[in-house]
Protein backbone atom coordinates (compact mmCIF):
# COMPACT_ATOMS: atom_id res chain seq x y z
CA UNK A 1 154.43 34.88 220.92
CA UNK A 2 153.09 34.48 224.11
CA UNK A 3 155.71 38.09 225.42
CA UNK A 4 154.41 39.81 221.92
CA UNK A 5 150.80 38.96 222.16
CA UNK A 6 150.92 40.35 225.50
CA UNK A 7 152.70 43.70 224.82
CA UNK A 8 150.19 44.30 221.68
CA UNK A 9 147.20 43.91 224.41
CA UNK A 10 145.88 40.89 222.28
CA UNK A 11 145.84 36.86 223.00
CA UNK A 12 147.67 34.46 222.41
CA UNK A 13 144.97 33.13 220.90
CA UNK A 14 144.16 35.90 218.67
CA UNK A 15 148.54 36.06 217.40
CA UNK A 16 148.36 32.37 217.01
CA UNK A 17 145.14 32.81 214.46
CA UNK A 18 146.65 35.59 212.82
CA UNK A 19 149.93 33.93 212.18
CA UNK A 20 148.38 30.78 210.92
CA UNK A 21 145.64 32.44 208.65
CA UNK A 22 142.29 31.02 210.42
CA UNK A 23 141.99 34.84 211.10
CA UNK A 24 141.49 36.26 207.43
CA UNK A 25 141.29 40.30 207.93
CA UNK A 26 142.53 41.08 211.64
CA UNK A 27 141.11 44.28 212.70
CA UNK A 28 143.33 47.40 211.66
CA UNK A 29 144.09 48.32 215.67
CA UNK A 30 145.47 45.12 215.99
CA UNK A 31 147.81 45.03 213.74
CA UNK A 32 148.87 48.22 214.60
CA UNK A 33 149.22 47.37 217.67
CA UNK A 34 151.50 43.75 216.81
CA UNK A 35 153.88 46.21 214.22
CA UNK A 36 154.67 48.47 217.01
CA UNK A 37 155.55 46.05 219.42
CA UNK A 38 157.51 43.86 216.62
CA UNK A 39 159.25 47.25 215.72
CA UNK A 40 157.66 47.82 212.43
CA UNK A 41 155.92 50.61 209.90
CA UNK A 42 152.97 50.40 209.10
CA UNK A 43 153.99 51.08 205.31
CA UNK A 44 156.71 48.07 205.88
CA UNK A 45 153.68 45.84 207.06
CA UNK A 46 151.64 47.10 203.99
CA UNK A 47 154.64 47.03 201.03
CA UNK A 48 155.09 43.33 202.64
CA UNK A 49 151.49 42.47 201.99
CA UNK A 50 151.26 43.88 198.51
CA UNK A 51 154.64 42.24 196.80
CA UNK A 52 153.64 39.56 194.53
CA UNK A 53 153.58 36.18 195.90
CA UNK A 54 156.46 34.84 194.13
CA UNK A 55 159.03 37.54 195.78
CA UNK A 56 157.23 36.20 199.56
CA UNK A 57 157.96 32.80 199.05
CA UNK A 58 161.97 33.94 197.86
CA UNK A 59 162.46 35.98 200.71
């Protein structure tokens, strides 16, 4: 997690807060940077966010 945060240019604490839900609406540039570091397209991230909850739980 530390390397991901540093590579994305965010603090590890910020990444922990996003991951745990303590930051309900992270800034778009932050999400874009994290997605880029993880090799995820923003389209994929958006699709995952908009999947029904029961589908996400089954994955």
